[in-house]
């Protein structure tokens, strides 16, 4: 994975998508991170307003100290993510 690339990160807290800012052996930083949530009844997915229920909405960055894996983002999620982080989302 390269810096400034949109990535999927799976951590113990869940799955999130964001732009990779930097990565070291023990941590990584994502810009505009969004957790993925799904509805098991409808099989639809969406992005949460942040990465933690008690955290701030629309965080600009998050530092992750432990993750299980990181991979490319499927094109279906790229389009949805880009709509979520469009300018003005704070007003929704």
Protein backbone atom coordinates (compact mmCIF):
# COMPACT_ATOMS: atom_id res chain seq x y z
CA UNK A 1 0.00 0.00 0.00
CA UNK A 2 1.21 3.49 -0.83
CA UNK A 3 0.74 6.82 0.92
CA UNK A 4 -2.27 8.83 -0.34
CA UNK A 5 -3.95 5.60 -1.47
CA UNK A 6 -7.46 4.74 -0.30
CA UNK A 7 -7.22 1.56 1.78
CA UNK A 8 -9.36 -0.83 3.79
CA UNK A 9 -8.07 -1.55 7.29
CA UNK A 10 -9.42 -4.30 9.49
CA UNK A 11 -8.65 -3.86 13.17
CA UNK A 12 -9.95 -5.44 16.35
CA UNK A 13 -12.50 -2.60 16.45
CA UNK A 14 -13.86 -3.30 12.96
CA UNK A 15 -13.40 -2.44 9.31
CA UNK A 16 -12.71 1.07 8.06
CA UNK A 17 -11.79 2.90 4.88
CA UNK A 18 -9.54 5.95 4.65
CA UNK A 19 -6.63 7.54 2.85
CA UNK A 20 -3.28 6.18 4.03
CA UNK A 21 -1.21 9.10 5.32
CA UNK A 22 1.71 7.15 6.78
CA UNK A 23 2.65 3.73 8.03
CA UNK A 24 5.40 2.41 10.28
CA UNK A 25 6.06 -1.00 11.78
CA UNK A 26 3.80 -0.31 14.76
CA UNK A 27 1.16 2.18 13.59
CA UNK A 28 -0.59 3.78 10.66
CA UNK A 29 -2.48 7.02 10.14
CA UNK A 30 -5.63 7.32 8.03
CA UNK A 31 -7.14 10.56 6.77
CA UNK A 32 -10.96 10.87 6.74
CA UNK A 33 -11.48 7.41 8.26
CA UNK A 34 -14.96 5.90 8.19
CA UNK A 35 -16.10 2.65 9.78
CA UNK A 36 -18.21 0.37 7.64
CA UNK A 37 -21.54 -0.76 9.06
CA UNK A 38 -23.89 -3.30 7.56
CA UNK A 39 -27.49 -4.29 8.08
CA UNK A 40 -27.69 -8.10 8.26
CA UNK A 41 -31.41 -8.03 7.40
CA UNK A 42 -31.08 -6.06 4.15
CA UNK A 43 -27.41 -6.88 3.38
CA UNK A 44 -26.83 -3.17 2.70
CA UNK A 45 -23.78 -1.32 3.95
CA UNK A 46 -22.98 2.25 4.81
CA UNK A 47 -20.34 4.39 6.43
CA UNK A 48 -20.60 5.65 9.98
CA UNK A 49 -19.91 9.32 10.72
CA UNK A 50 -16.73 8.35 12.53
CA UNK A 51 -14.80 5.44 13.89
CA UNK A 52 -16.13 5.21 17.46
CA UNK A 53 -19.57 5.75 18.91
CA UNK A 54 -18.17 8.10 21.57
CA UNK A 55 -15.59 9.71 19.25
CA UNK A 56 -16.05 12.88 17.28
CA UNK A 57 -18.05 12.82 14.07
CA UNK A 58 -16.12 13.22 10.82
CA UNK A 59 -12.60 12.83 12.26
CA UNK A 60 -9.84 14.22 10.05
CA UNK A 61 -7.30 11.57 11.06
CA UNK A 62 -6.93 8.49 13.17
CA UNK A 63 -3.83 6.68 14.36
CA UNK A 64 -4.18 2.91 14.52
CA UNK A 65 -1.66 1.05 16.64
CA UNK A 66 -2.80 -2.50 15.92
CA UNK A 67 -4.48 -3.85 12.85
CA UNK A 68 -5.11 -7.29 11.45
CA UNK A 69 -4.62 -6.45 7.80
CA UNK A 70 -4.81 -3.72 5.16
CA UNK A 71 -5.92 -4.21 1.55
CA UNK A 72 -7.16 -2.43 -1.54
CA UNK A 73 -10.70 -1.05 -1.48
CA UNK A 74 -13.32 -2.65 -3.75
CA UNK A 75 -14.65 -0.22 -6.38
CA UNK A 76 -18.20 -0.41 -4.95
CA UNK A 77 -16.92 1.05 -1.70
CA UNK A 78 -14.73 3.70 -3.33
CA UNK A 79 -17.73 5.39 -4.95
CA UNK A 80 -19.76 5.26 -1.74
CA UNK A 81 -16.82 6.55 0.34
CA UNK A 82 -16.23 9.47 -2.03
CA UNK A 83 -19.87 10.50 -1.68
CA UNK A 84 -19.62 10.36 2.13
CA UNK A 85 -16.52 12.53 2.36
CA UNK A 86 -17.75 15.11 -0.15
CA UNK A 87 -17.52 18.74 1.01
CA UNK A 88 -20.35 19.73 3.29
CA UNK A 89 -20.87 16.36 4.94
CA UNK A 90 -20.59 18.00 8.36
CA UNK A 91 -23.94 19.65 7.61
CA UNK A 92 -25.82 16.42 7.03
